[in-house]
Amino acid sequence: MELFSSPAAQVIVAIIPIVGIVFGGTLIFFFLLWTHRQTMLQIRNGIYKPANFDLQVFSLLAGMLLTCVGIVLTILFLCLDGLSLSLLGGLIPLSIGLGFLLFHHYYKP
């Protein structure tokens, strides 16, 4: 038995991710545009102060979050499907998180 049997329902279900991607892309574009204009005006008026970005804190936070999410997803996909390609949905964030944690450990500013 098919979940969405009518063609209209299939079209709507296929359009939802496309609309989300277009909306998200538009939102990101305008955020970057307005941030750029704000920075340019601050530079022109002489009040610009560059933001301090702490690479070590970022790599630690991102590594911890991605590692935890990756572990949970890996265990979930392993229990649901066993060894299959869906397991990559957990292994990819897990490996990126471990990479961030290794970077945090070995990075000496």
C-alpha atoms as a PDB file:
ATOM      1  CA  MET A   1       0.000   0.000   0.000  1.00  0.00           C
ATOM      2  CA  GLU A   2       1.424   3.352  -1.045  1.00  0.00           C
ATOM      3  CA  LEU A   3       1.398   6.141   1.499  1.00  0.00           C
ATOM      4  CA  PHE A   4       0.589   8.945  -0.955  1.00  0.00           C
ATOM      5  CA  SER A   5      -1.632   7.471  -3.634  1.00  0.00           C
ATOM      6  CA  SER A   6      -2.883  10.639  -5.312  1.00  0.00           C
ATOM      7  CA  PRO A   7      -0.596  12.398  -7.796  1.00  0.00           C
ATOM      8  CA  ALA A   8      -1.322  15.779  -6.187  1.00  0.00           C
ATOM      9  CA  ALA A   9      -0.039  14.542  -2.839  1.00  0.00           C
ATOM     10  CA  GLN A  10       3.134  13.203  -4.479  1.00  0.00           C
ATOM     11  CA  VAL A  11       3.776  16.570  -6.152  1.00  0.00           C
ATOM     12  CA  ILE A  12       3.266  18.458  -2.897  1.00  0.00           C
ATOM     13  CA  VAL A  13       5.591  16.105  -1.015  1.00  0.00           C
ATOM     14  CA  ALA A  14       8.233  16.542  -3.750  1.00  0.00           C
ATOM     15  CA  ILE A  15       7.936  20.367  -3.721  1.00  0.00           C
ATOM     16  CA  ILE A  16       8.285  20.835   0.069  1.00  0.00           C
ATOM     17  CA  PRO A  17      12.090  20.255   0.220  1.00  0.00           C
ATOM     18  CA  ILE A  18      12.653  22.434  -2.853  1.00  0.00           C
ATOM     19  CA  VAL A  19      10.735  25.325  -1.302  1.00  0.00           C
ATOM     20  CA  GLY A  20      12.665  24.895   1.954  1.00  0.00           C
ATOM     21  CA  ILE A  21      16.025  24.989   0.177  1.00  0.00           C
ATOM     22  CA  VAL A  22      15.079  28.065  -1.864  1.00  0.00           C
ATOM     23  CA  PHE A  23      13.752  29.866   1.216  1.00  0.00           C
ATOM     24  CA  GLY A  24      16.842  28.977   3.270  1.00  0.00           C
ATOM     25  CA  GLY A  25      19.180  30.059   0.474  1.00  0.00           C
ATOM     26  CA  THR A  26      17.353  33.385   0.116  1.00  0.00           C
ATOM     27  CA  LEU A  27      17.480  33.962   3.858  1.00  0.00           C
ATOM     28  CA  ILE A  28      21.226  33.251   3.998  1.00  0.00           C
ATOM     29  CA  PHE A  29      21.877  35.492   0.983  1.00  0.00           C
ATOM     30  CA  PHE A  30      20.125  38.491   2.522  1.00  0.00           C
ATOM     31  CA  PHE A  31      21.758  37.908   5.911  1.00  0.00           C
ATOM     32  CA  LEU A  32      25.195  37.950   4.282  1.00  0.00           C
ATOM     33  CA  LEU A  33      24.294  41.016   2.192  1.00  0.00           C
ATOM     34  CA  TRP A  34      23.048  43.015   5.177  1.00  0.00           C
ATOM     35  CA  THR A  35      26.008  41.978   7.335  1.00  0.00           C
ATOM     36  CA  HIS A  36      28.377  43.096   4.577  1.00  0.00           C
ATOM     37  CA  ARG A  37      26.629  46.461   4.242  1.00  0.00           C
ATOM     38  CA  GLN A  38      26.693  46.946   8.014  1.00  0.00           C
ATOM     39  CA  THR A  39      30.419  46.197   8.153  1.00  0.00           C
ATOM     40  CA  MET A  40      31.140  48.553   5.247  1.00  0.00           C
ATOM     41  CA  LEU A  41      29.219  51.371   6.960  1.00  0.00           C
ATOM     42  CA  GLN A  42      31.074  50.750  10.219  1.00  0.00           C
ATOM     43  CA  ILE A  43      34.405  50.913   8.373  1.00  0.00           C
ATOM     44  CA  ARG A  44      33.352  54.116   6.590  1.00  0.00           C
ATOM     45  CA  ASN A  45      32.343  55.738   9.900  1.00  0.00           C
ATOM     46  CA  GLY A  46      35.481  54.549  11.703  1.00  0.00           C
ATOM     47  CA  ILE A  47      33.689  52.481  14.348  1.00  0.00           C
ATOM     48  CA  TYR A  48      34.516  48.996  13.064  1.00  0.00           C
ATOM     49  CA  LYS A  49      35.996  46.544  15.565  1.00  0.00           C
ATOM     50  CA  PRO A  50      36.821  43.083  14.213  1.00  0.00           C
ATOM     51  CA  ALA A  51      35.192  40.260  16.135  1.00  0.00           C
ATOM     52  CA  ASN A  52      37.439  38.046  18.210  1.00  0.00           C
ATOM     53  CA  PHE A  53      37.046  34.466  17.027  1.00  0.00           C
ATOM     54  CA  ASP A  54      38.464  31.829  19.351  1.00  0.00           C
ATOM     55  CA  LEU A  55      39.324  28.885  17.102  1.00  0.00           C
ATOM     56  CA  GLN A  56      40.111  26.554  20.004  1.00  0.00           C
ATOM     57  CA  VAL A  57      36.771  27.088  21.744  1.00  0.00           C
ATOM     58  CA  PHE A  58      34.914  26.703  18.446  1.00  0.00           C
ATOM     59  CA  SER A  59      36.697  23.467  17.573  1.00  0.00           C
ATOM     60  CA  LEU A  60      36.038  22.064  21.050  1.00  0.00           C
ATOM     61  CA  LEU A  61      32.335  22.950  20.991  1.00  0.00           C
ATOM     62  CA  ALA A  62      31.759  21.782  17.417  1.00  0.00           C
ATOM     63  CA  GLY A  63      33.751  18.608  18.054  1.00  0.00           C
ATOM     64  CA  MET A  64      31.801  17.714  21.168  1.00  0.00           C
ATOM     65  CA  LEU A  65      28.419  18.400  19.567  1.00  0.00           C
ATOM     66  CA  LEU A  66      29.165  16.553  16.333  1.00  0.00           C
ATOM     67  CA  THR A  67      30.733  13.604  18.129  1.00  0.00           C
ATOM     68  CA  CYS A  68      27.716  13.197  20.425  1.00  0.00           C
ATOM     69  CA  VAL A  69      25.230  13.520  17.568  1.00  0.00           C
ATOM     70  CA  GLY A  70      27.317  11.144  15.442  1.00  0.00           C
ATOM     71  CA  ILE A  71      27.451   8.505  18.172  1.00  0.00           C
ATOM     72  CA  VAL A  72      23.686   8.618  18.690  1.00  0.00           C
ATOM     73  CA  LEU A  73      22.933   8.467  14.951  1.00  0.00           C
ATOM     74  CA  THR A  74      25.456   5.682  14.363  1.00  0.00           C
ATOM     75  CA  ILE A  75      23.930   3.546  17.116  1.00  0.00           C
ATOM     76  CA  LEU A  76      20.399   4.286  15.877  1.00  0.00           C
ATOM     77  CA  PHE A  77      21.144   3.431  12.235  1.00  0.00           C
ATOM     78  CA  LEU A  78      23.122   0.361  13.267  1.00  0.00           C
ATOM     79  CA  CYS A  79      20.160  -0.914  15.300  1.00  0.00           C
ATOM     80  CA  LEU A  80      17.582  -0.105  12.609  1.00  0.00           C
ATOM     81  CA  ASP A  81      19.327  -1.197   9.405  1.00  0.00           C
ATOM     82  CA  GLY A  82      22.502  -3.000  10.450  1.00  0.00           C
ATOM     83  CA  LEU A  83      25.536  -2.508   8.228  1.00  0.00           C
ATOM     84  CA  SER A  84      24.159  -0.493   5.321  1.00  0.00           C
ATOM     85  CA  LEU A  85      24.720   2.818   3.585  1.00  0.00           C
ATOM     86  CA  SER A  86      22.341   4.570   5.991  1.00  0.00           C
ATOM     87  CA  LEU A  87      25.026   4.101   8.636  1.00  0.00           C
ATOM     88  CA  LEU A  88      26.954   6.911   6.914  1.00  0.00           C
ATOM     89  CA  GLY A  89      24.342   9.308   8.296  1.00  0.00           C
ATOM     90  CA  GLY A  90      25.893   8.748  11.714  1.00  0.00           C
ATOM     91  CA  LEU A  91      29.494   8.035  10.785  1.00  0.00           C
ATOM     92  CA  ILE A  92      29.996  11.291   8.860  1.00  0.00           C
ATOM     93  CA  PRO A  93      29.161  13.662  11.774  1.00  0.00           C
ATOM     94  CA  LEU A  94      31.049  11.324  14.118  1.00  0.00           C
ATOM     95  CA  SER A  95      34.223  11.504  12.050  1.00  0.00           C
ATOM     96  CA  ILE A  96      33.938  15.287  11.580  1.00  0.00           C
ATOM     97  CA  GLY A  97      33.465  15.720  15.322  1.00  0.00           C
ATOM     98  CA  LEU A  98      36.478  13.555  16.095  1.00  0.00           C
ATOM     99  CA  GLY A  99      38.472  15.598  13.585  1.00  0.00           C
ATOM    100  CA  PHE A 100      37.504  18.818  15.376  1.00  0.00           C
ATOM    101  CA  LEU A 101      38.484  17.304  18.722  1.00  0.00           C
ATOM    102  CA  LEU A 102      41.848  16.175  17.335  1.00  0.00           C
ATOM    103  CA  PHE A 103      42.411  19.652  15.904  1.00  0.00           C
ATOM    104  CA  HIS A 104      41.584  21.180  19.286  1.00  0.00           C
ATOM    105  CA  HIS A 105      44.026  18.826  21.020  1.00  0.00           C
ATOM    106  CA  TYR A 106      46.970  19.346  18.650  1.00  0.00           C
ATOM    107  CA  TYR A 107      46.486  23.029  17.707  1.00  0.00           C
ATOM    108  CA  LYS A 108      49.073  25.297  19.303  1.00  0.00           C
ATOM    109  CA  PRO A 109      48.494  29.010  18.532  1.00  0.00           C
END
